[in-house]
PDB file of N, CA and C in Angstrom:
ATOM      1  N   MET A   1       0.849  -1.178   0.000  1.00  0.00           N
ATOM      2  CA  MET A   1       0.000   0.000   0.000  1.00  0.00           C
ATOM      3  C   MET A   1       0.891   1.237   0.000  1.00  0.00           C
ATOM      4  N   PRO A   2       0.604   2.219  -0.848  1.00  0.00           N
ATOM      5  CA  PRO A   2       1.449   3.409  -0.890  1.00  0.00           C
ATOM      6  C   PRO A   2       1.304   4.229   0.380  1.00  0.00           C
ATOM      7  N   GLU A   3       2.376   4.901   0.732  1.00  0.00           N
ATOM      8  CA  GLU A   3       2.309   5.814   1.861  1.00  0.00           C
ATOM      9  C   GLU A   3       1.517   7.035   1.426  1.00  0.00           C
ATOM     10  N   LEU A   4       0.525   7.392   2.210  1.00  0.00           N
ATOM     11  CA  LEU A   4      -0.273   8.550   1.850  1.00  0.00           C
ATOM     12  C   LEU A   4       0.542   9.810   2.080  1.00  0.00           C
ATOM     13  N   GLY A   5       0.423  10.737   1.174  1.00  0.00           N
ATOM     14  CA  GLY A   5       1.129  11.994   1.297  1.00  0.00           C
ATOM     15  C   GLY A   5       1.927  12.301   0.049  1.00  0.00           C
ATOM     16  N   PHE A   6       2.828  13.253   0.195  1.00  0.00           N
ATOM     17  CA  PHE A   6       3.636  13.702  -0.930  1.00  0.00           C
ATOM     18  C   PHE A   6       4.384  12.528  -1.541  1.00  0.00           C
ATOM     19  N   ASP A   7       4.292  12.374  -2.849  1.00  0.00           N
ATOM     20  CA  ASP A   7       4.896  11.232  -3.543  1.00  0.00           C
ATOM     21  C   ASP A   7       5.841  11.757  -4.634  1.00  0.00           C
ATOM     22  N   PRO A   8       7.157  11.653  -4.421  1.00  0.00           N
ATOM     23  CA  PRO A   8       8.114  12.169  -5.403  1.00  0.00           C
ATOM     24  C   PRO A   8       7.987  11.529  -6.787  1.00  0.00           C
ATOM     25  N   LEU A   9       7.564  10.282  -6.855  1.00  0.00           N
ATOM     26  CA  LEU A   9       7.402   9.630  -8.162  1.00  0.00           C
ATOM     27  C   LEU A   9       6.279  10.293  -8.949  1.00  0.00           C
ATOM     28  N   ILE A  10       5.173  10.545  -8.312  1.00  0.00           N
ATOM     29  CA  ILE A  10       4.030  11.171  -8.985  1.00  0.00           C
ATOM     30  C   ILE A  10       4.298  12.659  -9.235  1.00  0.00           C
ATOM     31  N   HIS A  11       5.071  13.309  -8.381  1.00  0.00           N
ATOM     32  CA  HIS A  11       5.221  14.761  -8.428  1.00  0.00           C
ATOM     33  C   HIS A  11       5.869  15.291  -9.705  1.00  0.00           C
ATOM     34  N   ALA A  12       6.690  14.498 -10.372  1.00  0.00           N
ATOM     35  CA  ALA A  12       7.289  14.965 -11.633  1.00  0.00           C
ATOM     36  C   ALA A  12       6.156  15.412 -12.556  1.00  0.00           C
ATOM     37  N   PRO A  13       6.258  16.595 -13.158  1.00  0.00           N
ATOM     38  CA  PRO A  13       5.121  17.180 -13.886  1.00  0.00           C
ATOM     39  C   PRO A  13       4.434  16.259 -14.892  1.00  0.00           C
ATOM     40  N   HIS A  14       5.180  15.556 -15.719  1.00  0.00           N
ATOM     41  CA  HIS A  14       4.529  14.696 -16.708  1.00  0.00           C
ATOM     42  C   HIS A  14       3.857  13.496 -16.050  1.00  0.00           C
ATOM     43  N   ARG A  15       4.485  12.932 -15.022  1.00  0.00           N
ATOM     44  CA  ARG A  15       3.856  11.798 -14.334  1.00  0.00           C
ATOM     45  C   ARG A  15       2.628  12.245 -13.562  1.00  0.00           C
ATOM     46  N   LEU A  16       2.659  13.446 -13.009  1.00  0.00           N
ATOM     47  CA  LEU A  16       1.477  13.976 -12.328  1.00  0.00           C
ATOM     48  C   LEU A  16       0.330  14.130 -13.317  1.00  0.00           C
ATOM     49  N   ARG A  17       0.613  14.639 -14.501  1.00  0.00           N
ATOM     50  CA  ARG A  17      -0.428  14.788 -15.521  1.00  0.00           C
ATOM     51  C   ARG A  17      -0.934  13.422 -15.996  1.00  0.00           C
ATOM     52  N   ILE A  18      -0.037  12.447 -16.150  1.00  0.00           N
ATOM     53  CA  ILE A  18      -0.452  11.094 -16.552  1.00  0.00           C
ATOM     54  C   ILE A  18      -1.416  10.542 -15.509  1.00  0.00           C
ATOM     55  N   CYS A  19      -1.054  10.663 -14.248  1.00  0.00           N
ATOM     56  CA  CYS A  19      -1.916  10.144 -13.176  1.00  0.00           C
ATOM     57  C   CYS A  19      -3.238  10.895 -13.114  1.00  0.00           C
ATOM     58  N   ALA A  20      -3.211  12.211 -13.313  1.00  0.00           N
ATOM     59  CA  ALA A  20      -4.449  13.004 -13.278  1.00  0.00           C
ATOM     60  C   ALA A  20      -5.391  12.577 -14.399  1.00  0.00           C
ATOM     61  N   ILE A  21      -4.847  12.387 -15.589  1.00  0.00           N
ATOM     62  CA  ILE A  21      -5.673  11.966 -16.727  1.00  0.00           C
ATOM     63  C   ILE A  21      -6.219  10.562 -16.480  1.00  0.00           C
ATOM     64  N   ALA A  22      -5.363   9.660 -16.017  1.00  0.00           N
ATOM     65  CA  ALA A  22      -5.801   8.280 -15.769  1.00  0.00           C
ATOM     66  C   ALA A  22      -6.800   8.218 -14.613  1.00  0.00           C
ATOM     67  N   HIS A  23      -6.649   9.083 -13.623  1.00  0.00           N
ATOM     68  CA  HIS A  23      -7.568   9.092 -12.485  1.00  0.00           C
ATOM     69  C   HIS A  23      -8.963   9.537 -12.907  1.00  0.00           C
ATOM     70  N   ALA A  24      -9.025  10.418 -13.897  1.00  0.00           N
ATOM     71  CA  ALA A  24     -10.309  10.957 -14.350  1.00  0.00           C
ATOM     72  C   ALA A  24     -11.056  10.020 -15.288  1.00  0.00           C
ATOM     73  N   ALA A  25     -10.407   8.939 -15.710  1.00  0.00           N
ATOM     74  CA  ALA A  25     -11.020   8.025 -16.683  1.00  0.00           C
ATOM     75  C   ALA A  25     -10.835   6.576 -16.241  1.00  0.00           C
ATOM     76  N   THR A  26     -11.601   5.704 -16.848  1.00  0.00           N
ATOM     77  CA  THR A  26     -11.428   4.273 -16.597  1.00  0.00           C
ATOM     78  C   THR A  26     -10.110   3.800 -17.177  1.00  0.00           C
ATOM     79  N   HIS A  27      -9.802   4.285 -18.375  1.00  0.00           N
ATOM     80  CA  HIS A  27      -8.534   3.970 -19.032  1.00  0.00           C
ATOM     81  C   HIS A  27      -8.229   5.059 -20.057  1.00  0.00           C
ATOM     82  N   VAL A  28      -6.980   5.093 -20.486  1.00  0.00           N
ATOM     83  CA  VAL A  28      -6.545   6.067 -21.482  1.00  0.00           C
ATOM     84  C   VAL A  28      -5.531   5.371 -22.397  1.00  0.00           C
ATOM     85  N   GLU A  29      -5.607   5.653 -23.681  1.00  0.00           N
ATOM     86  CA  GLU A  29      -4.681   5.029 -24.626  1.00  0.00           C
ATOM     87  C   GLU A  29      -3.391   5.834 -24.714  1.00  0.00           C
ATOM     88  N   PHE A  30      -2.312   5.120 -24.986  1.00  0.00           N
ATOM     89  CA  PHE A  30      -0.991   5.713 -25.115  1.00  0.00           C
ATOM     90  C   PHE A  30      -1.017   6.900 -26.072  1.00  0.00           C
ATOM     91  N   GLY A  31      -1.614   6.720 -27.234  1.00  0.00           N
ATOM     92  CA  GLY A  31      -1.646   7.774 -28.240  1.00  0.00           C
ATOM     93  C   GLY A  31      -2.365   9.027 -27.759  1.00  0.00           C
ATOM     94  N   GLU A  32      -3.429   8.842 -26.988  1.00  0.00           N
ATOM     95  CA  GLU A  32      -4.150   9.999 -26.440  1.00  0.00           C
ATOM     96  C   GLU A  32      -3.267  10.737 -25.442  1.00  0.00           C
ATOM     97  N   LEU A  33      -2.597   9.982 -24.574  1.00  0.00           N
ATOM     98  CA  LEU A  33      -1.683  10.608 -23.624  1.00  0.00           C
ATOM     99  C   LEU A  33      -0.588  11.377 -24.355  1.00  0.00           C
ATOM    100  N   GLN A  34      -0.034  10.761 -25.373  1.00  0.00           N
ATOM    101  CA  GLN A  34       1.043  11.395 -26.119  1.00  0.00           C
ATOM    102  C   GLN A  34       0.578  12.725 -26.707  1.00  0.00           C
ATOM    103  N   GLY A  35      -0.606  12.729 -27.288  1.00  0.00           N
ATOM    104  CA  GLY A  35      -1.149  13.956 -27.860  1.00  0.00           C
ATOM    105  C   GLY A  35      -1.435  15.018 -26.819  1.00  0.00           C
ATOM    106  N   ARG A  36      -1.994  14.619 -25.700  1.00  0.00           N
ATOM    107  CA  ARG A  36      -2.354  15.592 -24.656  1.00  0.00           C
ATOM    108  C   ARG A  36      -1.135  16.165 -23.947  1.00  0.00           C
ATOM    109  N   LEU A  37      -0.088  15.349 -23.821  1.00  0.00           N
ATOM    110  CA  LEU A  37       1.102  15.808 -23.106  1.00  0.00           C
ATOM    111  C   LEU A  37       2.155  16.411 -24.024  1.00  0.00           C
ATOM    112  N   GLY A  38       2.069  16.116 -25.322  1.00  0.00           N
ATOM    113  CA  GLY A  38       3.045  16.640 -26.262  1.00  0.00           C
ATOM    114  C   GLY A  38       4.433  16.043 -26.100  1.00  0.00           C
ATOM    115  N   LEU A  39       4.492  14.797 -25.675  1.00  0.00           N
ATOM    116  CA  LEU A  39       5.772  14.118 -25.468  1.00  0.00           C
ATOM    117  C   LEU A  39       6.093  13.188 -26.629  1.00  0.00           C
ATOM    118  N   SER A  40       7.372  12.912 -26.815  1.00  0.00           N
ATOM    119  CA  SER A  40       7.771  11.896 -27.792  1.00  0.00           C
ATOM    120  C   SER A  40       7.371  10.526 -27.248  1.00  0.00           C
ATOM    121  N   LYS A  41       7.310   9.539 -28.131  1.00  0.00           N
ATOM    122  CA  LYS A  41       6.975   8.181 -27.692  1.00  0.00           C
ATOM    123  C   LYS A  41       7.968   7.683 -26.654  1.00  0.00           C
ATOM    124  N   SER A  42       9.254   7.939 -26.880  1.00  0.00           N
ATOM    125  CA  SER A  42      10.269   7.431 -25.951  1.00  0.00           C
ATOM    126  C   SER A  42      10.170   8.113 -24.585  1.00  0.00           C
ATOM    127  N   ALA A  43       9.942   9.411 -24.551  1.00  0.00           N
ATOM    128  CA  ALA A  43       9.823  10.112 -23.266  1.00  0.00           C
ATOM    129  C   ALA A  43       8.589   9.635 -22.503  1.00  0.00           C
ATOM    130  N   LEU A  44       7.465   9.502 -23.200  1.00  0.00           N
ATOM    131  CA  LEU A  44       6.245   9.026 -22.555  1.00  0.00           C
ATOM    132  C   LEU A  44       6.429   7.592 -22.067  1.00  0.00           C
ATOM    133  N   SER A  45       7.069   6.762 -22.868  1.00  0.00           N
ATOM    134  CA  SER A  45       7.314   5.368 -22.477  1.00  0.00           C
ATOM    135  C   SER A  45       8.124   5.280 -21.189  1.00  0.00           C
ATOM    136  N   LYS A  46       9.112   6.148 -21.031  1.00  0.00           N
ATOM    137  CA  LYS A  46       9.929   6.136 -19.806  1.00  0.00           C
ATOM    138  C   LYS A  46       9.075   6.466 -18.588  1.00  0.00           C
ATOM    139  N   HIS A  47       8.240   7.484 -18.697  1.00  0.00           N
ATOM    140  CA  HIS A  47       7.372   7.847 -17.564  1.00  0.00           C
ATOM    141  C   HIS A  47       6.390   6.718 -17.250  1.00  0.00           C
ATOM    142  N   ILE A  48       5.804   6.155 -18.273  1.00  0.00           N
ATOM    143  CA  ILE A  48       4.847   5.064 -18.077  1.00  0.00           C
ATOM    144  C   ILE A  48       5.530   3.850 -17.458  1.00  0.00           C
ATOM    145  N   SER A  49       6.724   3.530 -17.937  1.00  0.00           N
ATOM    146  CA  SER A  49       7.463   2.377 -17.395  1.00  0.00           C
ATOM    147  C   SER A  49       7.719   2.533 -15.907  1.00  0.00           C
ATOM    148  N   LEU A  50       8.113   3.727 -15.479  1.00  0.00           N
ATOM    149  CA  LEU A  50       8.334   3.958 -14.046  1.00  0.00           C
ATOM    150  C   LEU A  50       7.057   3.738 -13.246  1.00  0.00           C
ATOM    151  N   LEU A  51       5.948   4.237 -13.760  1.00  0.00           N
ATOM    152  CA  LEU A  51       4.677   4.080 -13.053  1.00  0.00           C
ATOM    153  C   LEU A  51       4.205   2.631 -13.036  1.00  0.00           C
ATOM    154  N   ILE A  52       4.461   1.890 -14.104  1.00  0.00           N
ATOM    155  CA  ILE A  52       4.094   0.475 -14.140  1.00  0.00           C
ATOM    156  C   ILE A  52       4.987  -0.329 -13.190  1.00  0.00           C
ATOM    157  N   GLU A  53       6.290  -0.034 -13.182  1.00  0.00           N
ATOM    158  CA  GLU A  53       7.217  -0.742 -12.285  1.00  0.00           C
ATOM    159  C   GLU A  53       6.820  -0.601 -10.825  1.00  0.00           C
ATOM    160  N   ARG A  54       6.308   0.563 -10.459  1.00  0.00           N
ATOM    161  CA  ARG A  54       5.905   0.815  -9.072  1.00  0.00           C
ATOM    162  C   ARG A  54       4.455   0.419  -8.802  1.00  0.00           C
ATOM    163  N   ASP A  55       3.813  -0.216  -9.773  1.00  0.00           N
ATOM    164  CA  ASP A  55       2.434  -0.686  -9.654  1.00  0.00           C
ATOM    165  C   ASP A  55       1.437   0.461  -9.497  1.00  0.00           C
ATOM    166  N   TYR A  56       1.712   1.601 -10.113  1.00  0.00           N
ATOM    167  CA  TYR A  56       0.772   2.712 -10.122  1.00  0.00           C
ATOM    168  C   TYR A  56      -0.125   2.631 -11.354  1.00  0.00           C
ATOM    169  N   LEU A  57       0.421   2.138 -12.452  1.00  0.00           N
ATOM    170  CA  LEU A  57      -0.322   1.989 -13.710  1.00  0.00           C
ATOM    171  C   LEU A  57      -0.314   0.538 -14.129  1.00  0.00           C
ATOM    172  N   ARG A  58      -1.328   0.183 -14.896  1.00  0.00           N
ATOM    173  CA  ARG A  58      -1.419  -1.136 -15.512  1.00  0.00           C
ATOM    174  C   ARG A  58      -1.610  -0.899 -17.003  1.00  0.00           C
ATOM    175  N   GLY A  59      -0.883  -1.664 -17.800  1.00  0.00           N
ATOM    176  CA  GLY A  59      -1.011  -1.555 -19.247  1.00  0.00           C
ATOM    177  C   GLY A  59      -1.651  -2.796 -19.828  1.00  0.00           C
ATOM    178  N   GLU A  60      -2.480  -2.609 -20.826  1.00  0.00           N
ATOM    179  CA  GLU A  60      -3.174  -3.719 -21.478  1.00  0.00           C
ATOM    180  C   GLU A  60      -3.130  -3.460 -22.980  1.00  0.00           C
ATOM    181  N   HIS A  61      -2.670  -4.457 -23.720  1.00  0.00           N
ATOM    182  CA  HIS A  61      -2.648  -4.327 -25.179  1.00  0.00           C
ATOM    183  C   HIS A  61      -3.993  -4.770 -25.732  1.00  0.00           C
ATOM    184  N   VAL A  62      -4.611  -3.900 -26.501  1.00  0.00           N
ATOM    185  CA  VAL A  62      -5.903  -4.182 -27.115  1.00  0.00           C
ATOM    186  C   VAL A  62      -5.796  -3.918 -28.611  1.00  0.00           C
ATOM    187  N   THR A  63      -6.650  -4.562 -29.371  1.00  0.00           N
ATOM    188  CA  THR A  63      -6.697  -4.323 -30.808  1.00  0.00           C
ATOM    189  C   THR A  63      -7.992  -3.599 -31.121  1.00  0.00           C
ATOM    190  N   ARG A  64      -7.853  -2.474 -31.805  1.00  0.00           N
ATOM    191  CA  ARG A  64      -9.020  -1.690 -32.194  1.00  0.00           C
ATOM    192  C   ARG A  64      -8.775  -1.171 -33.598  1.00  0.00           C
ATOM    193  N   GLY A  65      -9.730  -1.397 -34.453  1.00  0.00           N
ATOM    194  CA  GLY A  65      -9.584  -0.947 -35.835  1.00  0.00           C
ATOM    195  C   GLY A  65      -8.422  -1.626 -36.539  1.00  0.00           C
ATOM    196  N   GLY A  66      -8.124  -2.857 -36.149  1.00  0.00           N
ATOM    197  CA  GLY A  66      -7.028  -3.597 -36.753  1.00  0.00           C
ATOM    198  C   GLY A  66      -5.648  -3.182 -36.279  1.00  0.00           C
ATOM    199  N   ARG A  67      -5.582  -2.291 -35.297  1.00  0.00           N
ATOM    200  CA  ARG A  67      -4.294  -1.813 -34.792  1.00  0.00           C
ATOM    201  C   ARG A  67      -4.160  -2.136 -33.308  1.00  0.00           C
ATOM    202  N   ALA A  68      -2.948  -2.542 -32.934  1.00  0.00           N
ATOM    203  CA  ALA A  68      -2.657  -2.800 -31.522  1.00  0.00           C
ATOM    204  C   ALA A  68      -2.455  -1.468 -30.814  1.00  0.00           C
ATOM    205  N   ARG A  69      -3.053  -1.342 -29.646  1.00  0.00           N
ATOM    206  CA  ARG A  69      -2.945  -0.118 -28.855  1.00  0.00           C
ATOM    207  C   ARG A  69      -2.661  -0.482 -27.408  1.00  0.00           C
ATOM    208  N   LEU A  70      -1.960   0.411 -26.732  1.00  0.00           N
ATOM    209  CA  LEU A  70      -1.695   0.227 -25.310  1.00  0.00           C
ATOM    210  C   LEU A  70      -2.695   1.070 -24.540  1.00  0.00           C
ATOM    211  N   ARG A  71      -3.495   0.393 -23.734  1.00  0.00           N
ATOM    212  CA  ARG A  71      -4.501   1.058 -22.908  1.00  0.00           C
ATOM    213  C   ARG A  71      -4.008   1.023 -21.470  1.00  0.00           C
ATOM    214  N   LEU A  72      -4.034   2.165 -20.809  1.00  0.00           N
ATOM    215  CA  LEU A  72      -3.483   2.297 -19.461  1.00  0.00           C
ATOM    216  C   LEU A  72      -4.562   2.685 -18.469  1.00  0.00           C
ATOM    217  N   SER A  73      -4.406   2.203 -17.251  1.00  0.00           N
ATOM    218  CA  SER A  73      -5.321   2.590 -16.179  1.00  0.00           C
ATOM    219  C   SER A  73      -4.547   2.585 -14.867  1.00  0.00           C
ATOM    220  N   LEU A  74      -5.007   3.398 -13.928  1.00  0.00           N
ATOM    221  CA  LEU A  74      -4.401   3.405 -12.605  1.00  0.00           C
ATOM    222  C   LEU A  74      -4.809   2.143 -11.859  1.00  0.00           C
ATOM    223  N   THR A  75      -3.870   1.573 -11.145  1.00  0.00           N
ATOM    224  CA  THR A  75      -4.191   0.464 -10.248  1.00  0.00           C
ATOM    225  C   THR A  75      -4.801   1.057  -8.979  1.00  0.00           C
ATOM    226  N   GLU A  76      -5.338   0.244  -8.121  1.00  0.00           N
ATOM    227  CA  GLU A  76      -5.858   0.757  -6.848  1.00  0.00           C
ATOM    228  C   GLU A  76      -4.720   1.397  -6.051  1.00  0.00           C
ATOM    229  N   HIS A  77      -3.553   0.774  -6.087  1.00  0.00           N
ATOM    230  CA  HIS A  77      -2.349   1.321  -5.444  1.00  0.00           C
ATOM    231  C   HIS A  77      -2.070   2.716  -6.000  1.00  0.00           C
ATOM    232  N   GLY A  78      -2.135   2.867  -7.306  1.00  0.00           N
ATOM    233  CA  GLY A  78      -1.886   4.154  -7.957  1.00  0.00           C
ATOM    234  C   GLY A  78      -2.944   5.188  -7.613  1.00  0.00           C
ATOM    235  N   ARG A  79      -4.203   4.759  -7.554  1.00  0.00           N
ATOM    236  CA  ARG A  79      -5.282   5.683  -7.187  1.00  0.00           C
ATOM    237  C   ARG A  79      -5.082   6.217  -5.765  1.00  0.00           C
ATOM    238  N   GLN A  80      -4.716   5.340  -4.852  1.00  0.00           N
ATOM    239  CA  GLN A  80      -4.486   5.767  -3.471  1.00  0.00           C
ATOM    240  C   GLN A  80      -3.298   6.708  -3.389  1.00  0.00           C
ATOM    241  N   ALA A  81      -2.227   6.392  -4.116  1.00  0.00           N
ATOM    242  CA  ALA A  81      -1.040   7.254  -4.104  1.00  0.00           C
ATOM    243  C   ALA A  81      -1.363   8.622  -4.701  1.00  0.00           C
ATOM    244  N   TYR A  82      -2.117   8.646  -5.792  1.00  0.00           N
ATOM    245  CA  TYR A  82      -2.488   9.911  -6.435  1.00  0.00           C
ATOM    246  C   TYR A  82      -3.362  10.755  -5.503  1.00  0.00           C
ATOM    247  N   ARG A  83      -4.360  10.131  -4.884  1.00  0.00           N
ATOM    248  CA  ARG A  83      -5.225  10.870  -3.961  1.00  0.00           C
ATOM    249  C   ARG A  83      -4.424  11.400  -2.769  1.00  0.00           C
ATOM    250  N   GLY A  84      -3.512  10.581  -2.245  1.00  0.00           N
ATOM    251  CA  GLY A  84      -2.670  11.026  -1.134  1.00  0.00           C
ATOM    252  C   GLY A  84      -1.770  12.178  -1.535  1.00  0.00           C
ATOM    253  N   HIS A  85      -1.215  12.101  -2.733  1.00  0.00           N
ATOM    254  CA  HIS A  85      -0.328  13.162  -3.215  1.00  0.00           C
ATOM    255  C   HIS A  85      -1.093  14.470  -3.418  1.00  0.00           C
ATOM    256  N   THR A  86      -2.252  14.402  -4.038  1.00  0.00           N
ATOM    257  CA  THR A  86      -3.014  15.637  -4.260  1.00  0.00           C
ATOM    258  C   THR A  86      -3.492  16.227  -2.925  1.00  0.00           C
ATOM    259  N   ALA A  87      -3.811  15.384  -1.964  1.00  0.00           N
ATOM    260  CA  ALA A  87      -4.188  15.884  -0.636  1.00  0.00           C
ATOM    261  C   ALA A  87      -2.994  16.582   0.021  1.00  0.00           C
ATOM    262  N   ALA A  88      -1.806  16.005  -0.133  1.00  0.00           N
ATOM    263  CA  ALA A  88      -0.601  16.624   0.434  1.00  0.00           C
ATOM    264  C   ALA A  88      -0.321  17.972  -0.225  1.00  0.00           C
ATOM    265  N   LEU A  89      -0.522  18.065  -1.531  1.00  0.00           N
ATOM    266  CA  LEU A  89      -0.323  19.342  -2.227  1.00  0.00           C
ATOM    267  C   LEU A  89      -1.324  20.386  -1.732  1.00  0.00           C
ATOM    268  N   ARG A  90      -2.582  19.969  -1.574  1.00  0.00           N
ATOM    269  CA  ARG A  90      -3.594  20.900  -1.057  1.00  0.00           C
ATOM    270  C   ARG A  90      -3.213  21.390   0.340  1.00  0.00           C
ATOM    271  N   GLU A  91      -2.692  20.495   1.169  1.00  0.00           N
ATOM    272  CA  GLU A  91      -2.290  20.867   2.529  1.00  0.00           C
ATOM    273  C   GLU A  91      -1.121  21.857   2.496  1.00  0.00           C
ATOM    274  N   ILE A  92      -0.166  21.650   1.608  1.00  0.00           N
ATOM    275  CA  ILE A  92       0.955  22.582   1.466  1.00  0.00           C
ATOM    276  C   ILE A  92       0.431  23.968   1.090  1.00  0.00           C
ATOM    277  N   ILE A  93      -0.480  24.020   0.136  1.00  0.00           N
ATOM    278  CA  ILE A  93      -1.040  25.291  -0.321  1.00  0.00           C
ATOM    279  C   ILE A  93      -1.829  25.961   0.804  1.00  0.00           C
ATOM    280  N   GLU A  94      -2.666  25.188   1.472  1.00  0.00           N
ATOM    281  CA  GLU A  94      -3.490  25.755   2.552  1.00  0.00           C
ATOM    282  C   GLU A  94      -2.632  26.216   3.724  1.00  0.00           C
ATOM    283  N   SER A  95      -1.592  25.493   4.077  1.00  0.00           N
ATOM    284  CA  SER A  95      -0.754  25.912   5.201  1.00  0.00           C
ATOM    285  C   SER A  95       0.001  27.192   4.850  1.00  0.00           C
ATOM    286  N   ALA A  96       0.364  27.373   3.593  1.00  0.00           N
ATOM    287  CA  ALA A  96       1.025  28.614   3.170  1.00  0.00           C
ATOM    288  C   ALA A  96       0.043  29.778   3.268  1.00  0.00           C
ATOM    289  N   ARG A  97      -1.210  29.563   2.898  1.00  0.00           N
ATOM    290  CA  ARG A  97      -2.234  30.615   2.993  1.00  0.00           C
ATOM    291  C   ARG A  97      -2.476  31.004   4.443  1.00  0.00           C
ATOM    292  N   ARG A  98      -2.500  30.004   5.320  1.00  0.00           N
ATOM    293  CA  ARG A  98      -2.758  30.271   6.747  1.00  0.00           C
ATOM    294  C   ARG A  98      -1.618  31.051   7.390  1.00  0.00           C
ATOM    295  N   SER A  99      -0.411  30.896   6.851  1.00  0.00           N
ATOM    296  CA  SER A  99       0.737  31.555   7.475  1.00  0.00           C
ATOM    297  C   SER A  99       0.974  32.976   6.958  1.00  0.00           C
ATOM    298  N   VAL A 100       0.166  33.406   6.013  1.00  0.00           N
ATOM    299  CA  VAL A 100       0.324  34.772   5.465  1.00  0.00           C
ATOM    300  C   VAL A 100      -0.445  35.759   6.300  1.00  0.00           C
TER     301      VAL A 100
END
């Protein structure tokens, strides 16, 4: 189970966006992520590989329209880590507001 709170793996801007997009949907295809993030295939693959290695994302190869596609979704572990990370970010922001 991921430790709730700030998560350095998720915090990297592109990985945070990948998790945010995946959290908002049941699944997302590699090509859609690539288009939305504006990353090269190799750069996106590196971020996805890190998230899969840590069991935050799950990848599934599907065939649609005669073409193989990689469909990604957050695992329960990844969903908990993402929710914990966003809660930690909100707390950082709120504590800064309270101290002003």
